[in-house]
Amino acid sequence: MKTKSFIPIQELVKVIRSKNSGPFMLTLDLLMKDSISYWLVKKSGVINTKLICDLYGISSEEILELESYDPALAYKITLVRPVPSGNILDTDIYGAQQYAPLLNIRIPIKDGG
């Protein structure tokens, strides 16, 4: 019987980062460590609009871009910042700490049996 188990995204990537994309947008990048990892993630379909909305507590309208890029073995996600960079309510002026929710991603793998 086949059962599903999961692999944490940290085991499949070489880089997970976030940064400002101007004062009003935030870019999230996931760069996979190799093509096997990339295709495992891509074929799973786990990285999608619903997941990002759930992880970040946002609506789909706040996702400006969610793309996979095969030649770079990467995903790029661009979000509307909740507050502009440098605003008095901003807690991360460079957007460098906003990748943390991505660490909760788990990719399903099938176990033989």
PDB file of N, CA and C in Angstrom:
ATOM      1  N   MET A   1       0.846  -1.178   0.000  1.00  0.00           N
ATOM      2  CA  MET A   1       0.000   0.000   0.000  1.00  0.00           C
ATOM      3  C   MET A   1       0.891   1.241   0.000  1.00  0.00           C
ATOM      4  N   LYS A   2       0.511   2.228  -0.786  1.00  0.00           N
ATOM      5  CA  LYS A   2       1.277   3.461  -0.848  1.00  0.00           C
ATOM      6  C   LYS A   2       0.727   4.460   0.157  1.00  0.00           C
ATOM      7  N   THR A   3       1.618   5.095   0.882  1.00  0.00           N
ATOM      8  CA  THR A   3       1.235   6.133   1.824  1.00  0.00           C
ATOM      9  C   THR A   3       1.952   7.412   1.449  1.00  0.00           C
ATOM     10  N   LYS A   4       1.381   8.516   1.865  1.00  0.00           N
ATOM     11  CA  LYS A   4       2.011   9.806   1.579  1.00  0.00           C
ATOM     12  C   LYS A   4       2.816  10.263   2.771  1.00  0.00           C
ATOM     13  N   SER A   5       3.985  10.749   2.493  1.00  0.00           N
ATOM     14  CA  SER A   5       4.759  11.442   3.510  1.00  0.00           C
ATOM     15  C   SER A   5       5.213  12.763   2.893  1.00  0.00           C
ATOM     16  N   PHE A   6       5.879  13.564   3.678  1.00  0.00           N
ATOM     17  CA  PHE A   6       6.233  14.908   3.232  1.00  0.00           C
ATOM     18  C   PHE A   6       7.704  15.185   3.477  1.00  0.00           C
ATOM     19  N   ILE A   7       8.244  16.067   2.645  1.00  0.00           N
ATOM     20  CA  ILE A   7       9.617  16.515   2.811  1.00  0.00           C
ATOM     21  C   ILE A   7       9.583  18.037   3.017  1.00  0.00           C
ATOM     22  N   PRO A   8      10.268  18.550   4.021  1.00  0.00           N
ATOM     23  CA  PRO A   8      10.281  20.001   4.240  1.00  0.00           C
ATOM     24  C   PRO A   8      10.970  20.722   3.079  1.00  0.00           C
ATOM     25  N   ILE A   9      10.453  21.863   2.734  1.00  0.00           N
ATOM     26  CA  ILE A   9      11.011  22.633   1.616  1.00  0.00           C
ATOM     27  C   ILE A   9      12.499  22.941   1.824  1.00  0.00           C
ATOM     28  N   GLN A  10      12.928  23.074   3.083  1.00  0.00           N
ATOM     29  CA  GLN A  10      14.334  23.385   3.359  1.00  0.00           C
ATOM     30  C   GLN A  10      15.288  22.320   2.816  1.00  0.00           C
ATOM     31  N   GLU A  11      14.809  21.112   2.658  1.00  0.00           N
ATOM     32  CA  GLU A  11      15.657  20.038   2.140  1.00  0.00           C
ATOM     33  C   GLU A  11      15.772  20.073   0.621  1.00  0.00           C
ATOM     34  N   LEU A  12      14.968  20.886  -0.024  1.00  0.00           N
ATOM     35  CA  LEU A  12      14.933  20.929  -1.479  1.00  0.00           C
ATOM     36  C   LEU A  12      15.495  22.217  -2.073  1.00  0.00           C
ATOM     37  N   VAL A  13      15.694  23.231  -1.250  1.00  0.00           N
ATOM     38  CA  VAL A  13      16.151  24.528  -1.755  1.00  0.00           C
ATOM     39  C   VAL A  13      17.588  24.817  -1.336  1.00  0.00           C
ATOM     40  N   LYS A  14      18.232  25.658  -2.131  1.00  0.00           N
ATOM     41  CA  LYS A  14      19.528  26.184  -1.697  1.00  0.00           C
ATOM     42  C   LYS A  14      19.380  27.607  -1.197  1.00  0.00           C
ATOM     43  N   VAL A  15      18.307  28.287  -1.631  1.00  0.00           N
ATOM     44  CA  VAL A  15      18.063  29.660  -1.180  1.00  0.00           C
ATOM     45  C   VAL A  15      16.561  29.873  -1.025  1.00  0.00           C
ATOM     46  N   ILE A  16      16.181  30.431   0.119  1.00  0.00           N
ATOM     47  CA  ILE A  16      14.840  30.991   0.317  1.00  0.00           C
ATOM     48  C   ILE A  16      15.093  32.404   0.818  1.00  0.00           C
ATOM     49  N   ARG A  17      14.534  33.388   0.118  1.00  0.00           N
ATOM     50  CA  ARG A  17      14.797  34.770   0.535  1.00  0.00           C
ATOM     51  C   ARG A  17      13.599  35.655   0.226  1.00  0.00           C
ATOM     52  N   SER A  18      13.630  36.806   0.867  1.00  0.00           N
ATOM     53  CA  SER A  18      12.637  37.837   0.588  1.00  0.00           C
ATOM     54  C   SER A  18      13.363  39.172   0.533  1.00  0.00           C
ATOM     55  N   LYS A  19      12.777  40.087  -0.217  1.00  0.00           N
ATOM     56  CA  LYS A  19      13.363  41.426  -0.335  1.00  0.00           C
ATOM     57  C   LYS A  19      12.312  42.367  -0.893  1.00  0.00           C
ATOM     58  N   ASN A  20      12.552  43.630  -0.691  1.00  0.00           N
ATOM     59  CA  ASN A  20      11.659  44.632  -1.270  1.00  0.00           C
ATOM     60  C   ASN A  20      11.755  44.595  -2.785  1.00  0.00           C
ATOM     61  N   SER A  21      10.637  44.880  -3.392  1.00  0.00           N
ATOM     62  CA  SER A  21      10.590  45.086  -4.835  1.00  0.00           C
ATOM     63  C   SER A  21       9.957  46.458  -5.011  1.00  0.00           C
ATOM     64  N   GLY A  22      10.692  47.463  -4.564  1.00  0.00           N
ATOM     65  CA  GLY A  22      10.153  48.809  -4.464  1.00  0.00           C
ATOM     66  C   GLY A  22       9.497  48.980  -3.102  1.00  0.00           C
ATOM     67  N   PRO A  23       9.016  50.166  -2.782  1.00  0.00           N
ATOM     68  CA  PRO A  23       8.462  50.413  -1.449  1.00  0.00           C
ATOM     69  C   PRO A  23       7.097  49.778  -1.193  1.00  0.00           C
ATOM     70  N   PHE A  24       6.433  49.323  -2.250  1.00  0.00           N
ATOM     71  CA  PHE A  24       5.063  48.830  -2.094  1.00  0.00           C
ATOM     72  C   PHE A  24       4.895  47.339  -2.385  1.00  0.00           C
ATOM     73  N   MET A  25       5.998  46.670  -2.763  1.00  0.00           N
ATOM     74  CA  MET A  25       5.927  45.250  -3.105  1.00  0.00           C
ATOM     75  C   MET A  25       7.048  44.479  -2.415  1.00  0.00           C
ATOM     76  N   LEU A  26       6.807  43.190  -2.269  1.00  0.00           N
ATOM     77  CA  LEU A  26       7.754  42.280  -1.641  1.00  0.00           C
ATOM     78  C   LEU A  26       7.944  41.096  -2.576  1.00  0.00           C
ATOM     79  N   THR A  27       9.181  40.687  -2.789  1.00  0.00           N
ATOM     80  CA  THR A  27       9.473  39.534  -3.623  1.00  0.00           C
ATOM     81  C   THR A  27      10.004  38.399  -2.771  1.00  0.00           C
ATOM     82  N   LEU A  28       9.459  37.208  -3.011  1.00  0.00           N
ATOM     83  CA  LEU A  28       9.892  35.988  -2.339  1.00  0.00           C
ATOM     84  C   LEU A  28      10.511  35.083  -3.398  1.00  0.00           C
ATOM     85  N   ASP A  29      11.672  34.521  -3.116  1.00  0.00           N
ATOM     86  CA  ASP A  29      12.352  33.638  -4.059  1.00  0.00           C
ATOM     87  C   ASP A  29      12.633  32.297  -3.412  1.00  0.00           C
ATOM     88  N   LEU A  30      12.385  31.240  -4.151  1.00  0.00           N
ATOM     89  CA  LEU A  30      12.768  29.889  -3.757  1.00  0.00           C
ATOM     90  C   LEU A  30      13.618  29.332  -4.886  1.00  0.00           C
ATOM     91  N   LEU A  31      14.885  29.086  -4.633  1.00  0.00           N
ATOM     92  CA  LEU A  31      15.790  28.536  -5.630  1.00  0.00           C
ATOM     93  C   LEU A  31      16.145  27.109  -5.211  1.00  0.00           C
ATOM     94  N   MET A  32      15.756  26.151  -6.027  1.00  0.00           N
ATOM     95  CA  MET A  32      15.948  24.753  -5.681  1.00  0.00           C
ATOM     96  C   MET A  32      17.409  24.347  -5.837  1.00  0.00           C
ATOM     97  N   LYS A  33      17.797  23.321  -5.080  1.00  0.00           N
ATOM     98  CA  LYS A  33      19.195  22.908  -5.076  1.00  0.00           C
ATOM     99  C   LYS A  33      19.588  22.110  -6.321  1.00  0.00           C
ATOM    100  N   ASP A  34      18.618  21.496  -6.982  1.00  0.00           N
ATOM    101  CA  ASP A  34      18.911  20.733  -8.201  1.00  0.00           C
ATOM    102  C   ASP A  34      17.617  20.513  -8.982  1.00  0.00           C
ATOM    103  N   SER A  35      17.759  19.968 -10.178  1.00  0.00           N
ATOM    104  CA  SER A  35      16.577  19.797 -11.036  1.00  0.00           C
ATOM    105  C   SER A  35      15.608  18.754 -10.478  1.00  0.00           C
ATOM    106  N   ILE A  36      16.102  17.740  -9.811  1.00  0.00           N
ATOM    107  CA  ILE A  36      15.204  16.737  -9.218  1.00  0.00           C
ATOM    108  C   ILE A  36      14.308  17.401  -8.175  1.00  0.00           C
ATOM    109  N   SER A  37      14.903  18.211  -7.321  1.00  0.00           N
ATOM    110  CA  SER A  37      14.131  18.919  -6.296  1.00  0.00           C
ATOM    111  C   SER A  37      13.117  19.863  -6.941  1.00  0.00           C
ATOM    112  N   TYR A  38      13.558  20.608  -7.947  1.00  0.00           N
ATOM    113  CA  TYR A  38      12.667  21.554  -8.616  1.00  0.00           C
ATOM    114  C   TYR A  38      11.455  20.846  -9.216  1.00  0.00           C
ATOM    115  N   TRP A  39      11.692  19.777  -9.946  1.00  0.00           N
ATOM    116  CA  TRP A  39      10.579  19.095 -10.605  1.00  0.00           C
ATOM    117  C   TRP A  39       9.680  18.381  -9.600  1.00  0.00           C
ATOM    118  N   LEU A  40      10.222  17.924  -8.501  1.00  0.00           N
ATOM    119  CA  LEU A  40       9.399  17.340  -7.442  1.00  0.00           C
ATOM    120  C   LEU A  40       8.423  18.386  -6.907  1.00  0.00           C
ATOM    121  N   VAL A  41       8.949  19.584  -6.634  1.00  0.00           N
ATOM    122  CA  VAL A  41       8.110  20.673  -6.135  1.00  0.00           C
ATOM    123  C   VAL A  41       7.095  21.092  -7.194  1.00  0.00           C
ATOM    124  N   LYS A  42       7.555  21.291  -8.413  1.00  0.00           N
ATOM    125  CA  LYS A  42       6.652  21.771  -9.465  1.00  0.00           C
ATOM    126  C   LYS A  42       5.540  20.763  -9.746  1.00  0.00           C
ATOM    127  N   LYS A  43       5.876  19.491  -9.861  1.00  0.00           N
ATOM    128  CA  LYS A  43       4.869  18.471 -10.148  1.00  0.00           C
ATOM    129  C   LYS A  43       3.874  18.302  -9.000  1.00  0.00           C
ATOM    130  N   SER A  44       4.304  18.622  -7.785  1.00  0.00           N
ATOM    131  CA  SER A  44       3.395  18.493  -6.637  1.00  0.00           C
ATOM    132  C   SER A  44       2.264  19.515  -6.696  1.00  0.00           C
ATOM    133  N   GLY A  45       2.513  20.666  -7.307  1.00  0.00           N
ATOM    134  CA  GLY A  45       1.509  21.724  -7.370  1.00  0.00           C
ATOM    135  C   GLY A  45       1.256  22.412  -6.040  1.00  0.00           C
ATOM    136  N   VAL A  46       2.086  22.149  -5.051  1.00  0.00           N
ATOM    137  CA  VAL A  46       1.876  22.695  -3.710  1.00  0.00           C
ATOM    138  C   VAL A  46       2.027  24.211  -3.681  1.00  0.00           C
ATOM    139  N   ILE A  47       2.995  24.729  -4.411  1.00  0.00           N
ATOM    140  CA  ILE A  47       3.206  26.179  -4.400  1.00  0.00           C
ATOM    141  C   ILE A  47       2.196  26.800  -5.355  1.00  0.00           C
ATOM    142  N   ASN A  48       1.146  27.345  -4.770  1.00  0.00           N
ATOM    143  CA  ASN A  48       0.054  27.916  -5.552  1.00  0.00           C
ATOM    144  C   ASN A  48      -0.549  29.105  -4.796  1.00  0.00           C
ATOM    145  N   THR A  49      -1.499  29.750  -5.416  1.00  0.00           N
ATOM    146  CA  THR A  49      -2.116  30.948  -4.836  1.00  0.00           C
ATOM    147  C   THR A  49      -2.728  30.675  -3.468  1.00  0.00           C
ATOM    148  N   LYS A  50      -3.446  29.573  -3.339  1.00  0.00           N
ATOM    149  CA  LYS A  50      -4.095  29.269  -2.063  1.00  0.00           C
ATOM    150  C   LYS A  50      -3.065  29.110  -0.950  1.00  0.00           C
ATOM    151  N   LEU A  51      -1.982  28.399  -1.220  1.00  0.00           N
ATOM    152  CA  LEU A  51      -0.942  28.213  -0.207  1.00  0.00           C
ATOM    153  C   LEU A  51      -0.374  29.561   0.237  1.00  0.00           C
ATOM    154  N   ILE A  52      -0.027  30.416  -0.706  1.00  0.00           N
ATOM    155  CA  ILE A  52       0.571  31.710  -0.366  1.00  0.00           C
ATOM    156  C   ILE A  52      -0.432  32.562   0.415  1.00  0.00           C
ATOM    157  N   CYS A  53      -1.688  32.553   0.004  1.00  0.00           N
ATOM    158  CA  CYS A  53      -2.723  33.289   0.752  1.00  0.00           C
ATOM    159  C   CYS A  53      -2.812  32.774   2.185  1.00  0.00           C
ATOM    160  N   ASP A  54      -2.807  31.461   2.344  1.00  0.00           N
ATOM    161  CA  ASP A  54      -2.891  30.866   3.681  1.00  0.00           C
ATOM    162  C   ASP A  54      -1.659  31.192   4.524  1.00  0.00           C
ATOM    163  N   LEU A  55      -0.476  31.061   3.942  1.00  0.00           N
ATOM    164  CA  LEU A  55       0.761  31.310   4.690  1.00  0.00           C
ATOM    165  C   LEU A  55       0.892  32.765   5.130  1.00  0.00           C
ATOM    166  N   TYR A  56       0.463  33.687   4.261  1.00  0.00           N
ATOM    167  CA  TYR A  56       0.659  35.108   4.530  1.00  0.00           C
ATOM    168  C   TYR A  56      -0.608  35.819   5.014  1.00  0.00           C
ATOM    169  N   GLY A  57      -1.720  35.113   5.080  1.00  0.00           N
ATOM    170  CA  GLY A  57      -2.957  35.730   5.545  1.00  0.00           C
ATOM    171  C   GLY A  57      -3.409  36.871   4.654  1.00  0.00           C
ATOM    172  N   ILE A  58      -3.310  36.650   3.339  1.00  0.00           N
ATOM    173  CA  ILE A  58      -3.660  37.697   2.374  1.00  0.00           C
ATOM    174  C   ILE A  58      -4.707  37.169   1.403  1.00  0.00           C
ATOM    175  N   SER A  59      -5.260  38.077   0.608  1.00  0.00           N
ATOM    176  CA  SER A  59      -6.195  37.683  -0.450  1.00  0.00           C
ATOM    177  C   SER A  59      -5.419  37.442  -1.741  1.00  0.00           C
ATOM    178  N   SER A  60      -6.040  36.749  -2.660  1.00  0.00           N
ATOM    179  CA  SER A  60      -5.372  36.454  -3.933  1.00  0.00           C
ATOM    180  C   SER A  60      -5.049  37.726  -4.719  1.00  0.00           C
ATOM    181  N   GLU A  61      -5.818  38.796  -4.481  1.00  0.00           N
ATOM    182  CA  GLU A  61      -5.557  40.061  -5.174  1.00  0.00           C
ATOM    183  C   GLU A  61      -4.228  40.687  -4.738  1.00  0.00           C
ATOM    184  N   GLU A  62      -3.732  40.277  -3.588  1.00  0.00           N
ATOM    185  CA  GLU A  62      -2.466  40.823  -3.091  1.00  0.00           C
ATOM    186  C   GLU A  62      -1.250  40.080  -3.634  1.00  0.00           C
ATOM    187  N   ILE A  63      -1.494  39.023  -4.395  1.00  0.00           N
ATOM    188  CA  ILE A  63      -0.404  38.309  -5.072  1.00  0.00           C
ATOM    189  C   ILE A  63      -0.302  38.885  -6.473  1.00  0.00           C
ATOM    190  N   LEU A  64       0.788  39.557  -6.750  1.00  0.00           N
ATOM    191  CA  LEU A  64       0.972  40.189  -8.054  1.00  0.00           C
ATOM    192  C   LEU A  64       1.612  39.245  -9.059  1.00  0.00           C
ATOM    193  N   GLU A  65       2.394  38.298  -8.553  1.00  0.00           N
ATOM    194  CA  GLU A  65       3.076  37.337  -9.419  1.00  0.00           C
ATOM    195  C   GLU A  65       3.350  36.078  -8.619  1.00  0.00           C
ATOM    196  N   LEU A  66       3.157  34.942  -9.260  1.00  0.00           N
ATOM    197  CA  LEU A  66       3.543  33.649  -8.688  1.00  0.00           C
ATOM    198  C   LEU A  66       3.948  32.795  -9.882  1.00  0.00           C
ATOM    199  N   GLU A  67       5.240  32.713 -10.096  1.00  0.00           N
ATOM    200  CA  GLU A  67       5.755  32.056 -11.298  1.00  0.00           C
ATOM    201  C   GLU A  67       6.848  31.070 -10.965  1.00  0.00           C
ATOM    202  N   SER A  68       6.844  29.974 -11.696  1.00  0.00           N
ATOM    203  CA  SER A  68       8.002  29.081 -11.665  1.00  0.00           C
ATOM    204  C   SER A  68       8.831  29.414 -12.899  1.00  0.00           C
ATOM    205  N   TYR A  69      10.138  29.247 -12.775  1.00  0.00           N
ATOM    206  CA  TYR A  69      11.030  29.565 -13.887  1.00  0.00           C
ATOM    207  C   TYR A  69      11.993  28.396 -14.065  1.00  0.00           C
ATOM    208  N   ASP A  70      11.666  27.542 -15.040  1.00  0.00           N
ATOM    209  CA  ASP A  70      12.405  26.298 -15.229  1.00  0.00           C
ATOM    210  C   ASP A  70      13.923  26.467 -15.405  1.00  0.00           C
ATOM    211  N   PRO A  71      14.399  27.402 -16.257  1.00  0.00           N
ATOM    212  CA  PRO A  71      15.851  27.493 -16.444  1.00  0.00           C
ATOM    213  C   PRO A  71      16.632  27.805 -15.163  1.00  0.00           C
ATOM    214  N   ALA A  72      16.004  28.514 -14.218  1.00  0.00           N
ATOM    215  CA  ALA A  72      16.682  28.866 -12.971  1.00  0.00           C
ATOM    216  C   ALA A  72      16.326  27.916 -11.828  1.00  0.00           C
ATOM    217  N   LEU A  73      15.440  26.938 -12.095  1.00  0.00           N
ATOM    218  CA  LEU A  73      14.986  26.010 -11.057  1.00  0.00           C
ATOM    219  C   LEU A  73      14.438  26.797  -9.863  1.00  0.00           C
ATOM    220  N   ALA A  74      13.577  27.771 -10.166  1.00  0.00           N
ATOM    221  CA  ALA A  74      13.172  28.732  -9.136  1.00  0.00           C
ATOM    222  C   ALA A  74      11.700  29.094  -9.210  1.00  0.00           C
ATOM    223  N   TYR A  75      11.228  29.617  -8.089  1.00  0.00           N
ATOM    224  CA  TYR A  75       9.911  30.228  -7.980  1.00  0.00           C
ATOM    225  C   TYR A  75      10.104  31.669  -7.557  1.00  0.00           C
ATOM    226  N   LYS A  76       9.290  32.553  -8.139  1.00  0.00           N
ATOM    227  CA  LYS A  76       9.282  33.956  -7.748  1.00  0.00           C
ATOM    228  C   LYS A  76       7.843  34.336  -7.431  1.00  0.00           C
ATOM    229  N   ILE A  77       7.684  34.958  -6.276  1.00  0.00           N
ATOM    230  CA  ILE A  77       6.366  35.380  -5.822  1.00  0.00           C
ATOM    231  C   ILE A  77       6.474  36.854  -5.448  1.00  0.00           C
ATOM    232  N   THR A  78       5.596  37.676  -5.989  1.00  0.00           N
ATOM    233  CA  THR A  78       5.593  39.088  -5.642  1.00  0.00           C
ATOM    234  C   THR A  78       4.255  39.428  -4.997  1.00  0.00           C
ATOM    235  N   LEU A  79       4.341  40.035  -3.818  1.00  0.00           N
ATOM    236  CA  LEU A  79       3.165  40.389  -3.031  1.00  0.00           C
ATOM    237  C   LEU A  79       3.091  41.895  -2.819  1.00  0.00           C
ATOM    238  N   VAL A  80       1.895  42.383  -2.572  1.00  0.00           N
ATOM    239  CA  VAL A  80       1.728  43.758  -2.116  1.00  0.00           C
ATOM    240  C   VAL A  80       2.183  43.794  -0.660  1.00  0.00           C
ATOM    241  N   ARG A  81       3.024  44.766  -0.316  1.00  0.00           N
ATOM    242  CA  ARG A  81       3.443  44.910   1.088  1.00  0.00           C
ATOM    243  C   ARG A  81       2.262  45.367   1.920  1.00  0.00           C
ATOM    244  N   PRO A  82       2.129  44.845   3.145  1.00  0.00           N
ATOM    245  CA  PRO A  82       1.009  45.275   3.992  1.00  0.00           C
ATOM    246  C   PRO A  82       1.073  46.759   4.341  1.00  0.00           C
ATOM    247  N   VAL A  83       2.277  47.279   4.501  1.00  0.00           N
ATOM    248  CA  VAL A  83       2.503  48.719   4.670  1.00  0.00           C
ATOM    249  C   VAL A  83       3.735  49.069   3.848  1.00  0.00           C
ATOM    250  N   PRO A  84       3.827  50.291   3.342  1.00  0.00           N
ATOM    251  CA  PRO A  84       4.999  50.660   2.546  1.00  0.00           C
ATOM    252  C   PRO A  84       6.298  50.562   3.351  1.00  0.00           C
ATOM    253  N   SER A  85       7.362  50.235   2.661  1.00  0.00           N
ATOM    254  CA  SER A  85       8.674  50.177   3.295  1.00  0.00           C
ATOM    255  C   SER A  85       9.015  51.539   3.891  1.00  0.00           C
ATOM    256  N   GLY A  86       9.440  51.537   5.131  1.00  0.00           N
ATOM    257  CA  GLY A  86       9.805  52.775   5.805  1.00  0.00           C
ATOM    258  C   GLY A  86       8.662  53.446   6.538  1.00  0.00           C
ATOM    259  N   ASN A  87       7.445  52.974   6.344  1.00  0.00           N
ATOM    260  CA  ASN A  87       6.292  53.501   7.063  1.00  0.00           C
ATOM    261  C   ASN A  87       6.510  53.285   8.555  1.00  0.00           C
ATOM    262  N   ILE A  88       5.958  54.125   9.367  1.00  0.00           N
ATOM    263  CA  ILE A  88       6.131  54.010  10.815  1.00  0.00           C
ATOM    264  C   ILE A  88       5.646  52.660  11.347  1.00  0.00           C
ATOM    265  N   LEU A  89       4.706  52.016  10.655  1.00  0.00           N
ATOM    266  CA  LEU A  89       4.199  50.705  11.065  1.00  0.00           C
ATOM    267  C   LEU A  89       5.003  49.539  10.492  1.00  0.00           C
ATOM    268  N   ASP A  90       5.999  49.840   9.653  1.00  0.00           N
ATOM    269  CA  ASP A  90       6.800  48.792   9.015  1.00  0.00           C
ATOM    270  C   ASP A  90       7.782  48.191  10.019  1.00  0.00           C
ATOM    271  N   THR A  91       7.764  46.871  10.116  1.00  0.00           N
ATOM    272  CA  THR A  91       8.666  46.177  11.049  1.00  0.00           C
ATOM    273  C   THR A  91       9.865  45.551  10.361  1.00  0.00           C
ATOM    274  N   ASP A  92       9.956  45.665   9.033  1.00  0.00           N
ATOM    275  CA  ASP A  92      11.047  45.049   8.275  1.00  0.00           C
ATOM    276  C   ASP A  92      11.313  45.903   7.039  1.00  0.00           C
ATOM    277  N   ILE A  93      12.043  46.982   7.229  1.00  0.00           N
ATOM    278  CA  ILE A  93      12.204  47.995   6.180  1.00  0.00           C
ATOM    279  C   ILE A  93      12.755  47.427   4.865  1.00  0.00           C
ATOM    280  N   TYR A  94      13.602  46.405   4.927  1.00  0.00           N
ATOM    281  CA  TYR A  94      14.180  45.819   3.715  1.00  0.00           C
ATOM    282  C   TYR A  94      13.394  44.615   3.201  1.00  0.00           C
ATOM    283  N   GLY A  95      12.431  44.159   3.976  1.00  0.00           N
ATOM    284  CA  GLY A  95      11.650  42.991   3.576  1.00  0.00           C
ATOM    285  C   GLY A  95      12.435  41.688   3.671  1.00  0.00           C
ATOM    286  N   ALA A  96      13.556  41.715   4.352  1.00  0.00           N
ATOM    287  CA  ALA A  96      14.472  40.574   4.379  1.00  0.00           C
ATOM    288  C   ALA A  96      14.034  39.437   5.286  1.00  0.00           C
ATOM    289  N   GLN A  97      13.063  39.664   6.148  1.00  0.00           N
ATOM    290  CA  GLN A  97      12.629  38.615   7.084  1.00  0.00           C
ATOM    291  C   GLN A  97      11.270  38.032   6.723  1.00  0.00           C
ATOM    292  N   GLN A  98      10.745  38.394   5.572  1.00  0.00           N
ATOM    293  CA  GLN A  98       9.382  37.985   5.215  1.00  0.00           C
ATOM    294  C   GLN A  98       9.299  36.600   4.570  1.00  0.00           C
ATOM    295  N   TYR A  99      10.418  35.931   4.414  1.00  0.00           N
ATOM    296  CA  TYR A  99      10.417  34.591   3.832  1.00  0.00           C
ATOM    297  C   TYR A  99       9.975  33.523   4.839  1.00  0.00           C
ATOM    298  N   ALA A 100       9.970  33.834   6.127  1.00  0.00           N
ATOM    299  CA  ALA A 100       9.758  32.828   7.179  1.00  0.00           C
ATOM    300  C   ALA A 100       8.531  31.935   6.964  1.00  0.00           C
ATOM    301  N   PRO A 101       7.362  32.453   6.563  1.00  0.00           N
ATOM    302  CA  PRO A 101       6.229  31.546   6.358  1.00  0.00           C
ATOM    303  C   PRO A 101       6.490  30.458   5.314  1.00  0.00           C
ATOM    304  N   LEU A 102       7.382  30.719   4.361  1.00  0.00           N
ATOM    305  CA  LEU A 102       7.693  29.717   3.340  1.00  0.00           C
ATOM    306  C   LEU A 102       8.344  28.473   3.943  1.00  0.00           C
ATOM    307  N   LEU A 103       8.962  28.623   5.102  1.00  0.00           N
ATOM    308  CA  LEU A 103       9.618  27.494   5.753  1.00  0.00           C
ATOM    309  C   LEU A 103       8.619  26.438   6.211  1.00  0.00           C
ATOM    310  N   ASN A 104       7.334  26.771   6.215  1.00  0.00           N
ATOM    311  CA  ASN A 104       6.289  25.820   6.598  1.00  0.00           C
ATOM    312  C   ASN A 104       5.828  24.936   5.441  1.00  0.00           C
ATOM    313  N   ILE A 105       6.351  25.161   4.253  1.00  0.00           N
ATOM    314  CA  ILE A 105       5.926  24.371   3.091  1.00  0.00           C
ATOM    315  C   ILE A 105       6.441  22.940   3.225  1.00  0.00           C
ATOM    316  N   ARG A 106       5.553  22.000   2.954  1.00  0.00           N
ATOM    317  CA  ARG A 106       5.888  20.573   2.943  1.00  0.00           C
ATOM    318  C   ARG A 106       5.477  20.008   1.592  1.00  0.00           C
ATOM    319  N   ILE A 107       6.372  19.285   0.956  1.00  0.00           N
ATOM    320  CA  ILE A 107       6.108  18.712  -0.351  1.00  0.00           C
ATOM    321  C   ILE A 107       5.771  17.225  -0.192  1.00  0.00           C
ATOM    322  N   PRO A 108       4.630  16.794  -0.703  1.00  0.00           N
ATOM    323  CA  PRO A 108       4.265  15.389  -0.553  1.00  0.00           C
ATOM    324  C   PRO A 108       5.141  14.487  -1.431  1.00  0.00           C
ATOM    325  N   ILE A 109       5.511  13.353  -0.885  1.00  0.00           N
ATOM    326  CA  ILE A 109       6.215  12.327  -1.649  1.00  0.00           C
ATOM    327  C   ILE A 109       5.502  11.006  -1.396  1.00  0.00           C
ATOM    328  N   LYS A 110       5.520  10.155  -2.383  1.00  0.00           N
ATOM    329  CA  LYS A 110       4.864   8.859  -2.241  1.00  0.00           C
ATOM    330  C   LYS A 110       5.901   7.830  -1.796  1.00  0.00           C
ATOM    331  N   ASP A 111       5.553   7.104  -0.788  1.00  0.00           N
ATOM    332  CA  ASP A 111       6.382   5.999  -0.341  1.00  0.00           C
ATOM    333  C   ASP A 111       5.923   4.735  -1.053  1.00  0.00           C
ATOM    334  N   GLY A 112       6.863   3.935  -1.451  1.00  0.00           N
ATOM    335  CA  GLY A 112       6.505   2.650  -2.063  1.00  0.00           C
ATOM    336  C   GLY A 112       6.017   1.691  -0.989  1.00  0.00           C
ATOM    337  N   GLY A 113       5.376   0.655  -1.412  1.00  0.00           N
ATOM    338  CA  GLY A 113       4.921  -0.293  -0.413  1.00  0.00           C
ATOM    339  C   GLY A 113       4.114  -1.398  -0.990  1.00  0.00           C
TER     340      GLY A 113
END
